[in-house]
Protein backbone atom coordinates (compact mmCIF):
# COMPACT_ATOMS: atom_id res chain seq x y z
CA PRO A 1 81.89 3.26 34.56
CA GLN A 2 81.66 0.22 36.80
CA VAL A 3 77.87 0.55 37.05
CA LEU A 4 77.57 0.10 33.27
CA ILE A 5 80.01 -2.83 33.23
CA ASP A 6 78.01 -4.48 36.02
CA ALA A 7 74.71 -3.89 34.18
CA ILE A 8 76.03 -5.33 30.91
CA VAL A 9 77.70 -8.36 32.50
CA ALA A 10 74.66 -9.14 34.69
CA THR A 11 72.37 -8.94 31.67
CA GLU A 12 74.39 -10.34 28.79
CA ASP A 13 76.88 -12.81 30.30
CA SER A 14 76.85 -13.20 34.07
CA ARG A 15 79.88 -15.52 34.07
CA PHE A 16 81.94 -13.40 31.67
CA PHE A 17 84.88 -13.02 34.04
CA GLN A 18 84.89 -16.76 34.89
CA HIS A 19 84.73 -18.54 31.51
CA ASN A 20 87.23 -18.86 28.67
CA GLY A 21 84.98 -17.42 25.96
CA VAL A 22 82.17 -19.95 25.92
CA ASP A 23 79.53 -21.09 28.39
CA LEU A 24 79.55 -24.74 27.28
CA LEU A 25 76.30 -25.85 28.94
CA ARG A 26 74.32 -22.92 27.51
CA PHE A 27 75.96 -23.42 24.11
CA VAL A 28 75.10 -27.14 23.83
CA LYS A 29 71.52 -26.59 25.01
CA ALA A 30 70.84 -23.70 22.62
CA THR A 31 72.47 -25.50 19.68
CA ALA A 32 70.42 -28.67 20.26
CA LEU A 33 67.18 -26.71 20.56
CA GLN A 34 67.95 -24.75 17.38
CA LEU A 35 68.65 -27.97 15.48
CA ILE A 36 65.18 -29.26 16.32
CA GLY A 37 63.58 -26.03 15.18
CA LYS A 38 63.33 -23.92 18.33
CA ASP A 39 64.53 -20.59 16.93
CA ASP A 40 63.82 -18.89 20.26
CA ALA A 41 66.11 -21.33 22.07
CA GLY A 42 67.78 -18.51 23.91
CA GLY A 43 71.22 -17.11 23.84
CA ALA A 44 74.23 -19.22 24.44
CA SER A 45 76.37 -16.33 23.35
CA THR A 46 78.90 -14.92 25.72
CA LEU A 47 80.14 -11.36 25.36
CA THR A 48 83.16 -12.82 23.59
CA THR A 49 81.13 -14.82 21.08
CA GLN A 50 78.84 -11.84 20.48
CA THR A 51 81.91 -9.74 19.75
CA VAL A 52 83.21 -12.34 17.29
CA LYS A 53 79.79 -12.55 15.63
CA ASN A 54 79.48 -8.77 15.31
CA MET A 55 82.97 -8.30 13.92
CA VAL A 56 83.63 -11.46 11.87
CA THR A 57 81.03 -14.15 11.26
CA LYS A 58 77.72 -12.26 11.08
CA LYS A 59 78.63 -11.12 7.57
CA ASP A 60 78.70 -14.79 6.47
CA THR A 61 75.03 -15.45 7.31
CA VAL A 62 73.12 -15.06 4.06
CA GLU A 63 70.81 -18.09 3.97
CA ARG A 64 67.32 -17.82 5.39
CA ASN A 65 67.33 -19.39 8.83
CA ASP A 66 64.05 -21.27 8.25
CA THR A 67 65.57 -23.57 5.61
CA ILE A 68 67.56 -26.70 6.46
CA LYS A 69 70.59 -25.22 4.73
CA GLY A 70 70.12 -21.97 6.69
CA LYS A 71 69.86 -23.83 10.02
CA ILE A 72 73.00 -25.83 9.27
CA LYS A 73 74.89 -22.65 8.33
CA LYS A 74 73.70 -21.04 11.57
CA VAL A 75 75.04 -23.97 13.63
CA ILE A 76 78.34 -23.93 11.71
CA ARG A 77 78.63 -20.19 12.37
CA LYS A 78 78.04 -20.80 16.08
CA PHE A 79 80.90 -23.31 16.14
CA GLN A 80 83.11 -20.79 14.31
CA ASP A 81 82.15 -18.17 16.90
CA VAL A 82 83.11 -20.54 19.72
CA TYR A 83 86.41 -21.53 18.10
CA LEU A 84 87.42 -17.93 17.44
CA SER A 85 86.30 -16.87 20.92
CA VAL A 86 88.19 -19.54 22.83
CA PHE A 87 91.32 -19.99 20.70
CA LYS A 88 91.83 -16.50 19.30
CA VAL A 89 90.07 -13.65 21.09
CA GLU A 90 90.35 -14.92 24.68
CA LYS A 91 94.04 -15.76 24.08
CA GLU A 92 94.96 -12.41 22.55
CA TYR A 93 92.83 -9.96 24.56
CA SER A 94 92.12 -9.38 28.23
CA LYS A 95 88.53 -9.52 29.48
CA GLU A 96 88.59 -5.73 29.82
CA GLU A 97 89.71 -5.33 26.19
CA ILE A 98 86.99 -7.72 24.98
CA LEU A 99 84.39 -5.77 26.93
CA GLU A 100 85.71 -2.49 25.51
CA ILE A 101 85.38 -3.83 21.96
CA TYR A 102 81.88 -5.13 22.70
CA VAL A 103 80.50 -1.89 24.14
CA ASN A 104 81.95 0.21 21.33
CA ASP A 105 80.96 -1.99 18.38
CA ASN A 106 77.22 -2.33 18.96
CA TYR A 107 74.35 -0.38 17.49
CA LEU A 108 72.39 1.22 20.33
CA GLY A 109 69.56 3.08 18.60
CA GLY A 110 69.12 6.23 16.57
CA SER A 111 72.20 6.29 14.41
CA TYR A 112 74.51 5.67 17.34
CA TRP A 113 77.12 3.00 17.91
CA GLY A 114 78.80 2.36 21.23
CA VAL A 115 78.06 3.44 24.76
CA GLU A 116 79.64 6.90 24.58
CA GLU A 117 77.47 7.96 21.63
CA ALA A 118 74.40 6.32 23.19
CA SER A 119 74.99 8.10 26.48
CA LYS A 120 75.19 11.47 24.74
CA TYR A 121 72.13 10.69 22.59
CA TYR A 122 69.87 9.49 25.39
CA PHE A 123 71.14 11.53 28.34
CA GLY A 124 73.19 14.43 26.98
CA LYS A 125 76.31 13.43 28.90
CA GLY A 126 79.36 11.25 28.64
CA VAL A 127 79.28 7.59 29.58
CA SER A 128 81.50 8.17 32.62
CA GLU A 129 78.72 10.26 34.19
CA LEU A 130 75.93 7.64 33.97
CA THR A 131 73.81 6.87 37.01
CA LEU A 132 72.46 3.40 37.82
CA PRO A 133 69.07 3.94 36.09
CA GLU A 134 70.79 5.40 33.01
CA ALA A 135 73.40 2.64 32.84
CA SER A 136 70.70 -0.02 33.16
CA LEU A 137 68.72 1.56 30.30
CA ILE A 138 71.79 1.54 28.04
CA ALA A 139 72.62 -2.06 29.04
CA GLY A 140 69.07 -2.98 28.05
CA LEU A 141 69.57 -1.58 24.56
CA PHE A 142 72.09 -4.25 23.54
CA GLN A 143 69.37 -6.89 23.14
CA ALA A 144 67.02 -4.82 20.95
CA PRO A 145 68.04 -1.19 20.43
CA THR A 146 65.09 -0.27 18.23
CA THR A 147 62.47 -1.99 20.39
CA ASN A 148 63.93 -0.64 23.64
CA ASN A 149 64.55 2.92 22.42
CA PRO A 150 62.97 5.20 25.04
CA TYR A 151 62.23 7.89 22.43
CA THR A 152 59.98 5.56 20.46
CA ASN A 153 58.89 2.99 23.06
CA ILE A 154 59.09 4.29 26.62
CA GLU A 155 57.09 1.35 27.97
CA GLY A 156 59.39 -1.24 26.37
CA ALA A 157 62.50 0.67 27.44
CA THR A 158 61.22 0.92 31.01
CA LYS A 159 60.39 -2.80 31.19
CA ARG A 160 63.80 -3.72 29.82
CA ARG A 161 65.55 -1.35 32.26
CA GLU A 162 63.64 -2.95 35.13
CA LEU A 163 64.72 -6.39 33.93
CA VAL A 164 68.36 -5.26 33.80
CA LEU A 165 68.04 -3.95 37.37
CA LYS A 166 66.54 -7.31 38.43
CA TYR A 167 69.49 -9.16 36.85
CA MET A 168 71.89 -6.82 38.63
CA TYR A 169 70.13 -7.55 41.91
CA ASP A 170 70.03 -11.32 41.23
CA HIS A 171 73.80 -11.31 40.62
CA ASP A 172 74.54 -9.18 43.71
CA TYR A 173 75.66 -6.03 41.92
CA ILE A 174 73.02 -3.89 43.62
CA THR A 175 70.83 -4.02 46.71
CA LYS A 176 67.06 -4.43 46.74
CA GLU A 177 66.74 -0.74 47.60
CA GLU A 178 68.90 0.25 44.63
CA MET A 179 66.83 -1.98 42.38
């Protein structure tokens, strides 16, 4: 449903429908910070690059990230993600198709993958029936499905849902009252 799309885009990649697969400014900043040892440099990943990482390049990351070799491999993988995102995925798939792949190829807690399974697991109904609070909870799971699982960490899940709602408000998807 649109409410889930809005929640995911507002939270994971607010310029998803405007860029060509990479947010260059965020990418350069995060890469530079990671090279100097800031592992919490933040995400430069767009929904497209996250999709590429999940489906293709994540399997190639074997080195420990705290070694020089591991950091270099991580940066190389990021460049591969960007290349594949811009020159392959964004050329061959529509934004809607990329989003569909993304929402269906992510672990979302329990033993569930994708938004349909997550919706049934957490709310006992299909994804098309989600309300704003339910959609915002599911959108919050993409970042850390185990940490934000409401069955095991209601406080964390609630905080993350509130953050998703704030992002939706900040990006004009919902009103202050809806938030």
